[in-house]
């Protein structure tokens, strides 16, 4: 039997967002592995998404899914990993 928190609209929205992040990041990451430009350039005519950004999308989706599932330690670890990747890339953007 589902409780009211298990079927709330915000929880469903969070699940959908986490799956979209996983699919988008995974699709772009696979695109880089198979060297498919249409898979890497999410919007035609725009710059392609970099592999590290695709990895961060995957990690953020996994962290959101872990948070929804009540696995706070995984959420913290995955969020810290995304932060570490961003911190490592920070010097290259300014």
N, C-alpha and C. Protein backbone atom coordinates (compact mmCIF):
# COMPACT_ATOMS: atom_id res chain seq x y z
N UNK A 1 0.84 -1.18 0.00
CA UNK A 1 0.00 0.00 0.00
C UNK A 1 0.88 1.24 0.00
N UNK A 2 0.61 2.16 -0.89
CA UNK A 2 1.40 3.38 -0.99
C UNK A 2 0.93 4.41 0.03
N UNK A 3 1.90 5.09 0.61
CA UNK A 3 1.55 6.20 1.48
C UNK A 3 1.44 7.46 0.64
N UNK A 4 0.98 8.54 1.24
CA UNK A 4 0.79 9.77 0.49
C UNK A 4 2.11 10.34 -0.02
N UNK A 5 3.21 10.09 0.71
CA UNK A 5 4.49 10.63 0.27
C UNK A 5 5.08 9.83 -0.90
N UNK A 6 4.71 8.55 -1.02
CA UNK A 6 5.24 7.74 -2.11
C UNK A 6 4.62 8.08 -3.45
N UNK A 7 3.44 8.67 -3.44
CA UNK A 7 2.76 8.96 -4.70
C UNK A 7 2.54 10.46 -4.91
N UNK A 8 3.27 11.28 -4.19
CA UNK A 8 3.07 12.72 -4.33
C UNK A 8 3.55 13.20 -5.70
N UNK A 9 2.92 14.26 -6.22
CA UNK A 9 3.34 14.78 -7.53
C UNK A 9 4.80 15.24 -7.56
N UNK A 10 5.28 15.81 -6.47
CA UNK A 10 6.67 16.27 -6.46
C UNK A 10 7.64 15.10 -6.51
N UNK A 11 7.29 13.99 -5.88
CA UNK A 11 8.14 12.81 -5.93
C UNK A 11 8.16 12.21 -7.33
N UNK A 12 7.01 12.20 -7.97
CA UNK A 12 6.94 11.71 -9.35
C UNK A 12 7.75 12.61 -10.28
N UNK A 13 7.65 13.91 -10.08
CA UNK A 13 8.42 14.86 -10.88
C UNK A 13 9.92 14.64 -10.69
N UNK A 14 10.34 14.40 -9.45
CA UNK A 14 11.75 14.17 -9.17
C UNK A 14 12.23 12.88 -9.84
N UNK A 15 11.39 11.85 -9.83
CA UNK A 15 11.76 10.60 -10.51
C UNK A 15 11.93 10.82 -12.01
N UNK A 16 11.00 11.56 -12.60
CA UNK A 16 11.07 11.83 -14.04
C UNK A 16 12.34 12.63 -14.36
N UNK A 17 12.63 13.65 -13.54
CA UNK A 17 13.84 14.46 -13.77
C UNK A 17 15.10 13.62 -13.64
N UNK A 18 15.15 12.73 -12.65
CA UNK A 18 16.34 11.91 -12.48
C UNK A 18 16.52 10.98 -13.67
N UNK A 19 15.44 10.41 -14.16
CA UNK A 19 15.55 9.53 -15.33
C UNK A 19 15.95 10.30 -16.58
N UNK A 20 15.43 11.52 -16.74
CA UNK A 20 15.83 12.34 -17.89
C UNK A 20 17.31 12.69 -17.83
N UNK A 21 17.80 13.02 -16.64
CA UNK A 21 19.23 13.30 -16.49
C UNK A 21 20.08 12.08 -16.85
N UNK A 22 19.65 10.92 -16.36
CA UNK A 22 20.39 9.69 -16.66
C UNK A 22 20.37 9.38 -18.15
N UNK A 23 19.20 9.53 -18.79
CA UNK A 23 19.10 9.25 -20.22
C UNK A 23 19.89 10.24 -21.07
N UNK A 24 19.78 11.51 -20.74
CA UNK A 24 20.51 12.52 -21.51
C UNK A 24 22.02 12.33 -21.36
N UNK A 25 22.49 12.22 -20.13
CA UNK A 25 23.92 12.03 -19.90
C UNK A 25 24.42 10.72 -20.49
N UNK A 26 23.64 9.66 -20.32
CA UNK A 26 24.04 8.36 -20.86
C UNK A 26 24.08 8.36 -22.37
N UNK A 27 23.08 9.00 -22.99
CA UNK A 27 23.05 9.07 -24.46
C UNK A 27 24.23 9.84 -25.02
N UNK A 28 24.55 10.96 -24.39
CA UNK A 28 25.69 11.76 -24.86
C UNK A 28 27.00 11.01 -24.62
N UNK A 29 27.10 10.35 -23.47
CA UNK A 29 28.33 9.60 -23.17
C UNK A 29 28.52 8.46 -24.17
N UNK A 30 27.46 7.77 -24.51
CA UNK A 30 27.54 6.71 -25.53
C UNK A 30 27.90 7.33 -26.88
N UNK A 31 27.34 8.51 -27.16
CA UNK A 31 27.68 9.21 -28.40
C UNK A 31 29.17 9.49 -28.51
N UNK A 32 29.79 9.85 -27.40
CA UNK A 32 31.24 10.08 -27.42
C UNK A 32 32.00 8.77 -27.64
N UNK A 33 31.50 7.70 -27.04
CA UNK A 33 32.19 6.40 -27.19
C UNK A 33 32.12 5.89 -28.62
N UNK A 34 30.99 6.09 -29.29
CA UNK A 34 30.84 5.60 -30.67
C UNK A 34 31.13 6.69 -31.69
N UNK A 35 31.54 7.87 -31.22
CA UNK A 35 31.90 9.01 -32.07
C UNK A 35 30.77 9.41 -33.00
N UNK A 36 29.58 9.58 -32.43
CA UNK A 36 28.40 9.99 -33.19
C UNK A 36 28.09 11.45 -32.88
N UNK A 37 28.35 12.33 -33.84
CA UNK A 37 28.13 13.77 -33.64
C UNK A 37 26.66 14.09 -33.32
N UNK A 38 25.67 13.49 -34.00
CA UNK A 38 24.29 13.81 -33.65
C UNK A 38 23.92 13.45 -32.20
N UNK A 39 24.54 12.43 -31.65
CA UNK A 39 24.26 12.06 -30.26
C UNK A 39 24.95 12.99 -29.28
N UNK A 40 26.06 13.57 -29.68
CA UNK A 40 26.85 14.42 -28.80
C UNK A 40 26.32 15.85 -28.79
N UNK A 41 25.89 16.34 -29.94
CA UNK A 41 25.31 17.68 -30.03
C UNK A 41 23.83 17.56 -29.72
N UNK A 42 23.45 17.90 -28.50
CA UNK A 42 22.08 17.72 -28.05
C UNK A 42 21.12 18.56 -28.89
N UNK A 43 21.52 19.79 -29.19
CA UNK A 43 20.72 20.68 -30.05
C UNK A 43 21.52 20.90 -31.33
N UNK A 44 20.95 20.56 -32.49
CA UNK A 44 21.70 20.74 -33.75
C UNK A 44 22.14 22.20 -33.92
N UNK A 45 23.39 22.36 -34.32
CA UNK A 45 23.95 23.70 -34.52
C UNK A 45 24.63 24.26 -33.29
N UNK A 46 24.42 23.67 -32.15
CA UNK A 46 25.06 24.13 -30.92
C UNK A 46 26.35 23.34 -30.69
N UNK A 47 27.15 23.81 -29.78
CA UNK A 47 28.39 23.10 -29.43
C UNK A 47 28.03 21.75 -28.79
N UNK A 48 28.84 20.73 -29.04
CA UNK A 48 28.55 19.43 -28.44
C UNK A 48 28.77 19.44 -26.93
N UNK A 49 28.02 18.60 -26.24
CA UNK A 49 28.21 18.46 -24.80
C UNK A 49 29.51 17.68 -24.57
N UNK A 50 30.32 18.16 -23.67
CA UNK A 50 31.59 17.51 -23.37
C UNK A 50 31.36 16.23 -22.54
N UNK A 51 32.27 15.27 -22.64
CA UNK A 51 32.09 14.01 -21.90
C UNK A 51 32.00 14.21 -20.39
N UNK A 52 32.79 15.16 -19.85
CA UNK A 52 32.72 15.36 -18.40
C UNK A 52 31.37 15.95 -17.98
N UNK A 53 30.76 16.76 -18.83
CA UNK A 53 29.42 17.28 -18.53
C UNK A 53 28.40 16.15 -18.58
N UNK A 54 28.53 15.25 -19.55
CA UNK A 54 27.63 14.10 -19.64
C UNK A 54 27.77 13.22 -18.40
N UNK A 55 29.00 13.03 -17.94
CA UNK A 55 29.22 12.25 -16.73
C UNK A 55 28.57 12.92 -15.53
N UNK A 56 28.66 14.24 -15.45
CA UNK A 56 28.03 14.96 -14.34
C UNK A 56 26.51 14.86 -14.41
N UNK A 57 25.93 14.86 -15.60
CA UNK A 57 24.49 14.66 -15.74
C UNK A 57 24.10 13.29 -15.19
N UNK A 58 24.89 12.26 -15.53
CA UNK A 58 24.62 10.91 -15.04
C UNK A 58 24.71 10.87 -13.51
N UNK A 59 25.77 11.47 -12.97
CA UNK A 59 25.96 11.46 -11.52
C UNK A 59 24.87 12.24 -10.80
N UNK A 60 24.44 13.37 -11.37
CA UNK A 60 23.36 14.15 -10.76
C UNK A 60 22.04 13.38 -10.79
N UNK A 61 21.77 12.70 -11.89
CA UNK A 61 20.56 11.87 -11.97
C UNK A 61 20.58 10.75 -10.96
N UNK A 62 21.74 10.13 -10.81
CA UNK A 62 21.88 9.05 -9.83
C UNK A 62 21.74 9.59 -8.40
N UNK A 63 22.30 10.77 -8.14
CA UNK A 63 22.19 11.37 -6.81
C UNK A 63 20.75 11.72 -6.49
N UNK A 64 20.02 12.26 -7.46
CA UNK A 64 18.61 12.58 -7.24
C UNK A 64 17.80 11.32 -6.99
N UNK A 65 18.07 10.28 -7.75
CA UNK A 65 17.37 9.01 -7.56
C UNK A 65 17.70 8.40 -6.19
N UNK A 66 18.96 8.52 -5.78
CA UNK A 66 19.34 8.02 -4.45
C UNK A 66 18.65 8.82 -3.35
N UNK A 67 18.54 10.13 -3.54
CA UNK A 67 17.88 10.96 -2.55
C UNK A 67 16.41 10.63 -2.42
N UNK A 68 15.77 10.35 -3.52
CA UNK A 68 14.35 9.97 -3.51
C UNK A 68 14.17 8.64 -2.78
N UNK A 69 15.15 7.75 -2.96
CA UNK A 69 15.06 6.41 -2.36
C UNK A 69 15.47 6.39 -0.89
N UNK A 70 15.88 7.55 -0.36
CA UNK A 70 16.25 7.61 1.05
C UNK A 70 17.68 7.18 1.33
N UNK A 71 18.51 7.18 0.34
CA UNK A 71 19.92 6.80 0.51
C UNK A 71 20.76 8.07 0.56
N UNK A 72 20.71 8.73 1.71
CA UNK A 72 21.37 10.02 1.85
C UNK A 72 22.88 9.94 1.68
N UNK A 73 23.49 8.84 2.12
CA UNK A 73 24.95 8.71 1.99
C UNK A 73 25.36 8.67 0.52
N UNK A 74 24.60 7.96 -0.30
CA UNK A 74 24.89 7.92 -1.74
C UNK A 74 24.68 9.29 -2.37
N UNK A 75 23.62 9.96 -1.94
CA UNK A 75 23.34 11.30 -2.47
C UNK A 75 24.50 12.24 -2.17
N UNK A 76 24.99 12.20 -0.95
CA UNK A 76 26.11 13.05 -0.54
C UNK A 76 27.37 12.70 -1.31
N UNK A 77 27.65 11.41 -1.44
CA UNK A 77 28.87 10.98 -2.14
C UNK A 77 28.83 11.37 -3.62
N UNK A 78 27.70 11.15 -4.26
CA UNK A 78 27.59 11.48 -5.68
C UNK A 78 27.63 12.99 -5.90
N UNK A 79 26.97 13.74 -5.01
CA UNK A 79 27.02 15.19 -5.09
C UNK A 79 28.43 15.72 -4.89
N UNK A 80 29.17 15.12 -3.96
CA UNK A 80 30.56 15.53 -3.72
C UNK A 80 31.42 15.22 -4.94
N UNK A 81 31.15 14.11 -5.60
CA UNK A 81 31.90 13.76 -6.81
C UNK A 81 31.64 14.76 -7.93
N UNK A 82 30.38 15.16 -8.09
CA UNK A 82 30.05 16.19 -9.10
C UNK A 82 30.76 17.50 -8.75
N UNK A 83 30.74 17.85 -7.47
CA UNK A 83 31.43 19.06 -7.03
C UNK A 83 32.93 19.00 -7.28
N UNK A 84 33.53 17.84 -7.05
CA UNK A 84 34.96 17.68 -7.28
C UNK A 84 35.30 17.80 -8.76
N UNK A 85 34.45 17.25 -9.62
CA UNK A 85 34.68 17.38 -11.06
C UNK A 85 34.57 18.85 -11.46
N UNK A 86 33.56 19.53 -10.95
CA UNK A 86 33.40 20.96 -11.24
C UNK A 86 34.56 21.79 -10.73
N UNK A 87 35.04 21.46 -9.54
CA UNK A 87 36.17 22.18 -8.96
C UNK A 87 37.44 21.97 -9.80
N UNK A 88 37.61 20.75 -10.31
CA UNK A 88 38.78 20.45 -11.12
C UNK A 88 38.71 21.20 -12.44
N UNK A 89 37.51 21.42 -12.95
CA UNK A 89 37.35 22.11 -14.24
C UNK A 89 37.30 23.62 -14.11
N UNK A 90 37.13 24.14 -12.91
CA UNK A 90 36.97 25.58 -12.71
C UNK A 90 38.11 26.41 -13.27
N UNK A 91 39.37 26.04 -13.08
CA UNK A 91 40.45 26.88 -13.63
C UNK A 91 40.42 27.01 -15.15
N UNK A 92 39.81 26.07 -15.85
CA UNK A 92 39.81 26.13 -17.31
C UNK A 92 38.71 27.04 -17.88
N UNK A 93 37.81 27.57 -17.03
CA UNK A 93 36.72 28.38 -17.58
C UNK A 93 36.92 29.87 -17.38
N UNK A 94 37.97 30.28 -16.70
CA UNK A 94 38.18 31.74 -16.58
C UNK A 94 39.52 32.17 -17.09
